[in-house]
Amino acid sequence: MDYVIELLEENKKHLERHIRDDKLLHVNMRKATQEMAHINQLKRAIKILKLKTKKA
């Protein structure tokens, strides 16, 4: 389970870097918004998985 959480966190960091480094908010707002929505989904998934591992 920890491996999955690490993969999701790495994916989230990669997307955040991509938005920041490519200046997507200035260049392509639609794509930046889609990727930010994806980041939010990853954050929720990470949070849920961490809660499940703590309960077990």
PDB file of N, CA and C in Angstrom:
ATOM      1  N   MET A   1       0.831  -1.195   0.000  1.00  0.00           N
ATOM      2  CA  MET A   1       0.000   0.000   0.000  1.00  0.00           C
ATOM      3  C   MET A   1       0.874   1.257   0.000  1.00  0.00           C
ATOM      4  N   ASP A   2       1.997   1.191   0.726  1.00  0.00           N
ATOM      5  CA  ASP A   2       2.887   2.354   0.773  1.00  0.00           C
ATOM      6  C   ASP A   2       3.468   2.664  -0.604  1.00  0.00           C
ATOM      7  N   TYR A   3       3.723   1.629  -1.363  1.00  0.00           N
ATOM      8  CA  TYR A   3       4.266   1.824  -2.705  1.00  0.00           C
ATOM      9  C   TYR A   3       3.272   2.592  -3.589  1.00  0.00           C
ATOM     10  N   VAL A   4       2.012   2.265  -3.484  1.00  0.00           N
ATOM     11  CA  VAL A   4       0.975   2.938  -4.278  1.00  0.00           C
ATOM     12  C   VAL A   4       0.892   4.404  -3.881  1.00  0.00           C
ATOM     13  N   ILE A   5       0.949   4.672  -2.578  1.00  0.00           N
ATOM     14  CA  ILE A   5       0.899   6.051  -2.094  1.00  0.00           C
ATOM     15  C   ILE A   5       2.097   6.839  -2.630  1.00  0.00           C
ATOM     16  N   GLU A   6       3.274   6.226  -2.608  1.00  0.00           N
ATOM     17  CA  GLU A   6       4.465   6.892  -3.133  1.00  0.00           C
ATOM     18  C   GLU A   6       4.328   7.198  -4.621  1.00  0.00           C
ATOM     19  N   LEU A   7       3.784   6.250  -5.376  1.00  0.00           N
ATOM     20  CA  LEU A   7       3.582   6.489  -6.814  1.00  0.00           C
ATOM     21  C   LEU A   7       2.626   7.646  -7.060  1.00  0.00           C
ATOM     22  N   LEU A   8       1.545   7.696  -6.305  1.00  0.00           N
ATOM     23  CA  LEU A   8       0.580   8.783  -6.470  1.00  0.00           C
ATOM     24  C   LEU A   8       1.201  10.127  -6.102  1.00  0.00           C
ATOM     25  N   GLU A   9       1.998  10.154  -5.047  1.00  0.00           N
ATOM     26  CA  GLU A   9       2.650  11.400  -4.650  1.00  0.00           C
ATOM     27  C   GLU A   9       3.658  11.858  -5.698  1.00  0.00           C
ATOM     28  N   GLU A  10       4.396  10.930  -6.278  1.00  0.00           N
ATOM     29  CA  GLU A  10       5.346  11.282  -7.336  1.00  0.00           C
ATOM     30  C   GLU A  10       4.615  11.830  -8.558  1.00  0.00           C
ATOM     31  N   ASN A  11       3.496  11.202  -8.909  1.00  0.00           N
ATOM     32  CA  ASN A  11       2.697  11.668 -10.039  1.00  0.00           C
ATOM     33  C   ASN A  11       2.178  13.079  -9.776  1.00  0.00           C
ATOM     34  N   LYS A  12       1.729  13.329  -8.551  1.00  0.00           N
ATOM     35  CA  LYS A  12       1.228  14.660  -8.177  1.00  0.00           C
ATOM     36  C   LYS A  12       2.344  15.702  -8.287  1.00  0.00           C
ATOM     37  N   LYS A  13       3.534  15.373  -7.789  1.00  0.00           N
ATOM     38  CA  LYS A  13       4.666  16.297  -7.854  1.00  0.00           C
ATOM     39  C   LYS A  13       5.049  16.582  -9.301  1.00  0.00           C
ATOM     40  N   HIS A  14       5.011  15.534 -10.132  1.00  0.00           N
ATOM     41  CA  HIS A  14       5.347  15.710 -11.550  1.00  0.00           C
ATOM     42  C   HIS A  14       4.375  16.679 -12.222  1.00  0.00           C
ATOM     43  N   LEU A  15       3.088  16.518 -11.965  1.00  0.00           N
ATOM     44  CA  LEU A  15       2.099  17.412 -12.568  1.00  0.00           C
ATOM     45  C   LEU A  15       2.265  18.840 -12.068  1.00  0.00           C
ATOM     46  N   GLU A  16       2.534  19.003 -10.787  1.00  0.00           N
ATOM     47  CA  GLU A  16       2.735  20.344 -10.235  1.00  0.00           C
ATOM     48  C   GLU A  16       3.951  21.019 -10.882  1.00  0.00           C
ATOM     49  N   ARG A  17       5.043  20.259 -11.041  1.00  0.00           N
ATOM     50  CA  ARG A  17       6.244  20.801 -11.690  1.00  0.00           C
ATOM     51  C   ARG A  17       5.953  21.174 -13.139  1.00  0.00           C
ATOM     52  N   HIS A  18       5.193  20.330 -13.819  1.00  0.00           N
ATOM     53  CA  HIS A  18       4.857  20.574 -15.226  1.00  0.00           C
ATOM     54  C   HIS A  18       4.072  21.881 -15.371  1.00  0.00           C
ATOM     55  N   ILE A  19       3.109  22.098 -14.504  1.00  0.00           N
ATOM     56  CA  ILE A  19       2.315  23.329 -14.561  1.00  0.00           C
ATOM     57  C   ILE A  19       3.192  24.539 -14.293  1.00  0.00           C
ATOM     58  N   ARG A  20       4.042  24.433 -13.280  1.00  0.00           N
ATOM     59  CA  ARG A  20       4.884  25.562 -12.882  1.00  0.00           C
ATOM     60  C   ARG A  20       5.983  25.841 -13.899  1.00  0.00           C
ATOM     61  N   ASP A  21       6.709  24.817 -14.324  1.00  0.00           N
ATOM     62  CA  ASP A  21       7.861  25.014 -15.207  1.00  0.00           C
ATOM     63  C   ASP A  21       7.454  25.448 -16.614  1.00  0.00           C
ATOM     64  N   ASP A  22       6.344  24.920 -17.097  1.00  0.00           N
ATOM     65  CA  ASP A  22       5.892  25.288 -18.447  1.00  0.00           C
ATOM     66  C   ASP A  22       5.017  26.524 -18.450  1.00  0.00           C
ATOM     67  N   LYS A  23       4.781  27.100 -17.288  1.00  0.00           N
ATOM     68  CA  LYS A  23       3.954  28.312 -17.148  1.00  0.00           C
ATOM     69  C   LYS A  23       2.611  28.136 -17.847  1.00  0.00           C
ATOM     70  N   LEU A  24       1.990  26.983 -17.583  1.00  0.00           N
ATOM     71  CA  LEU A  24       0.735  26.657 -18.269  1.00  0.00           C
ATOM     72  C   LEU A  24      -0.389  27.623 -17.929  1.00  0.00           C
ATOM     73  N   LEU A  25      -0.374  28.196 -16.736  1.00  0.00           N
ATOM     74  CA  LEU A  25      -1.450  29.123 -16.378  1.00  0.00           C
ATOM     75  C   LEU A  25      -1.463  30.338 -17.297  1.00  0.00           C
ATOM     76  N   HIS A  26      -0.304  30.704 -17.820  1.00  0.00           N
ATOM     77  CA  HIS A  26      -0.242  31.846 -18.733  1.00  0.00           C
ATOM     78  C   HIS A  26      -0.397  31.426 -20.186  1.00  0.00           C
ATOM     79  N   VAL A  27       0.086  30.235 -20.504  1.00  0.00           N
ATOM     80  CA  VAL A  27       0.122  29.783 -21.896  1.00  0.00           C
ATOM     81  C   VAL A  27      -1.182  29.090 -22.301  1.00  0.00           C
ATOM     82  N   ASN A  28      -1.609  28.106 -21.500  1.00  0.00           N
ATOM     83  CA  ASN A  28      -2.759  27.295 -21.869  1.00  0.00           C
ATOM     84  C   ASN A  28      -3.615  27.044 -20.623  1.00  0.00           C
ATOM     85  N   MET A  29      -4.533  27.948 -20.379  1.00  0.00           N
ATOM     86  CA  MET A  29      -5.338  27.896 -19.158  1.00  0.00           C
ATOM     87  C   MET A  29      -6.200  26.640 -19.097  1.00  0.00           C
ATOM     88  N   ARG A  30      -6.742  26.204 -20.217  1.00  0.00           N
ATOM     89  CA  ARG A  30      -7.613  25.021 -20.231  1.00  0.00           C
ATOM     90  C   ARG A  30      -6.848  23.770 -19.786  1.00  0.00           C
ATOM     91  N   LYS A  31      -5.665  23.573 -20.353  1.00  0.00           N
ATOM     92  CA  LYS A  31      -4.859  22.402 -19.984  1.00  0.00           C
ATOM     93  C   LYS A  31      -4.405  22.488 -18.532  1.00  0.00           C
ATOM     94  N   ALA A  32      -4.049  23.673 -18.079  1.00  0.00           N
ATOM     95  CA  ALA A  32      -3.636  23.863 -16.684  1.00  0.00           C
ATOM     96  C   ALA A  32      -4.781  23.531 -15.740  1.00  0.00           C
ATOM     97  N   THR A  33      -5.983  23.941 -16.077  1.00  0.00           N
ATOM     98  CA  THR A  33      -7.147  23.654 -15.249  1.00  0.00           C
ATOM     99  C   THR A  33      -7.411  22.156 -15.187  1.00  0.00           C
ATOM    100  N   GLN A  34      -7.292  21.478 -16.306  1.00  0.00           N
ATOM    101  CA  GLN A  34      -7.483  20.025 -16.327  1.00  0.00           C
ATOM    102  C   GLN A  34      -6.445  19.325 -15.459  1.00  0.00           C
ATOM    103  N   GLU A  35      -5.205  19.767 -15.560  1.00  0.00           N
ATOM    104  CA  GLU A  35      -4.156  19.121 -14.771  1.00  0.00           C
ATOM    105  C   GLU A  35      -4.305  19.431 -13.289  1.00  0.00           C
ATOM    106  N   MET A  36      -4.778  20.620 -12.959  1.00  0.00           N
ATOM    107  CA  MET A  36      -5.014  20.952 -11.554  1.00  0.00           C
ATOM    108  C   MET A  36      -6.157  20.108 -10.989  1.00  0.00           C
ATOM    109  N   ALA A  37      -7.155  19.834 -11.796  1.00  0.00           N
ATOM    110  CA  ALA A  37      -8.237  18.955 -11.361  1.00  0.00           C
ATOM    111  C   ALA A  37      -7.700  17.546 -11.118  1.00  0.00           C
ATOM    112  N   HIS A  38      -6.803  17.117 -11.971  1.00  0.00           N
ATOM    113  CA  HIS A  38      -6.178  15.796 -11.806  1.00  0.00           C
ATOM    114  C   HIS A  38      -5.351  15.757 -10.514  1.00  0.00           C
ATOM    115  N   ILE A  39      -4.647  16.840 -10.215  1.00  0.00           N
ATOM    116  CA  ILE A  39      -3.871  16.934  -8.978  1.00  0.00           C
ATOM    117  C   ILE A  39      -4.789  16.817  -7.774  1.00  0.00           C
ATOM    118  N   ASN A  40      -5.935  17.478  -7.825  1.00  0.00           N
ATOM    119  CA  ASN A  40      -6.887  17.401  -6.716  1.00  0.00           C
ATOM    120  C   ASN A  40      -7.393  15.971  -6.523  1.00  0.00           C
ATOM    121  N   GLN A  41      -7.645  15.266  -7.609  1.00  0.00           N
ATOM    122  CA  GLN A  41      -8.072  13.872  -7.502  1.00  0.00           C
ATOM    123  C   GLN A  41      -6.977  13.011  -6.874  1.00  0.00           C
ATOM    124  N   LEU A  42      -5.740  13.263  -7.256  1.00  0.00           N
ATOM    125  CA  LEU A  42      -4.630  12.512  -6.678  1.00  0.00           C
ATOM    126  C   LEU A  42      -4.496  12.794  -5.182  1.00  0.00           C
ATOM    127  N   LYS A  43      -4.670  14.057  -4.801  1.00  0.00           N
ATOM    128  CA  LYS A  43      -4.591  14.415  -3.385  1.00  0.00           C
ATOM    129  C   LYS A  43      -5.653  13.680  -2.579  1.00  0.00           C
ATOM    130  N   ARG A  44      -6.873  13.623  -3.115  1.00  0.00           N
ATOM    131  CA  ARG A  44      -7.956  12.905  -2.430  1.00  0.00           C
ATOM    132  C   ARG A  44      -7.645  11.417  -2.302  1.00  0.00           C
ATOM    133  N   ALA A  45      -7.134  10.829  -3.369  1.00  0.00           N
ATOM    134  CA  ALA A  45      -6.802   9.398  -3.349  1.00  0.00           C
ATOM    135  C   ALA A  45      -5.699   9.118  -2.327  1.00  0.00           C
ATOM    136  N   ILE A  46      -4.688   9.965  -2.283  1.00  0.00           N
ATOM    137  CA  ILE A  46      -3.604   9.801  -1.324  1.00  0.00           C
ATOM    138  C   ILE A  46      -4.134   9.891   0.094  1.00  0.00           C
ATOM    139  N   LYS A  47      -4.981  10.866   0.329  1.00  0.00           N
ATOM    140  CA  LYS A  47      -5.545  11.061   1.666  1.00  0.00           C
ATOM    141  C   LYS A  47      -6.360   9.841   2.103  1.00  0.00           C
ATOM    142  N   ILE A  48      -7.180   9.335   1.216  1.00  0.00           N
ATOM    143  CA  ILE A  48      -8.009   8.168   1.540  1.00  0.00           C
ATOM    144  C   ILE A  48      -7.140   6.945   1.814  1.00  0.00           C
ATOM    145  N   LEU A  49      -6.126   6.719   0.980  1.00  0.00           N
ATOM    146  CA  LEU A  49      -5.256   5.563   1.182  1.00  0.00           C
ATOM    147  C   LEU A  49      -4.469   5.667   2.487  1.00  0.00           C
ATOM    148  N   LYS A  50      -4.030   6.859   2.823  1.00  0.00           N
ATOM    149  CA  LYS A  50      -3.294   7.034   4.078  1.00  0.00           C
ATOM    150  C   LYS A  50      -4.194   6.758   5.268  1.00  0.00           C
ATOM    151  N   LEU A  51      -5.453   7.200   5.183  1.00  0.00           N
ATOM    152  CA  LEU A  51      -6.394   6.936   6.275  1.00  0.00           C
ATOM    153  C   LEU A  51      -6.655   5.430   6.421  1.00  0.00           C
ATOM    154  N   LYS A  52      -6.780   4.739   5.299  1.00  0.00           N
ATOM    155  CA  LYS A  52      -7.026   3.293   5.333  1.00  0.00           C
ATOM    156  C   LYS A  52      -5.846   2.543   5.929  1.00  0.00           C
ATOM    157  N   THR A  53      -4.632   2.986   5.619  1.00  0.00           N
ATOM    158  CA  THR A  53      -3.456   2.291   6.166  1.00  0.00           C
ATOM    159  C   THR A  53      -3.317   2.537   7.661  1.00  0.00           C
ATOM    160  N   LYS A  54      -3.745   3.708   8.131  1.00  0.00           N
ATOM    161  CA  LYS A  54      -3.682   3.989   9.565  1.00  0.00           C
ATOM    162  C   LYS A  54      -4.698   3.154  10.356  1.00  0.00           C
ATOM    163  N   LYS A  55      -5.871   2.932   9.760  1.00  0.00           N
ATOM    164  CA  LYS A  55      -6.923   2.151  10.430  1.00  0.00           C
ATOM    165  C   LYS A  55      -6.534   0.684  10.534  1.00  0.00           C
ATOM    166  N   ALA A  56      -5.826   0.179   9.547  1.00  0.00           N
ATOM    167  CA  ALA A  56      -5.492  -1.259   9.520  1.00  0.00           C
ATOM    168  C   ALA A  56      -4.413  -1.622  10.491  1.00  0.00           C
TER     169      ALA A  56
END
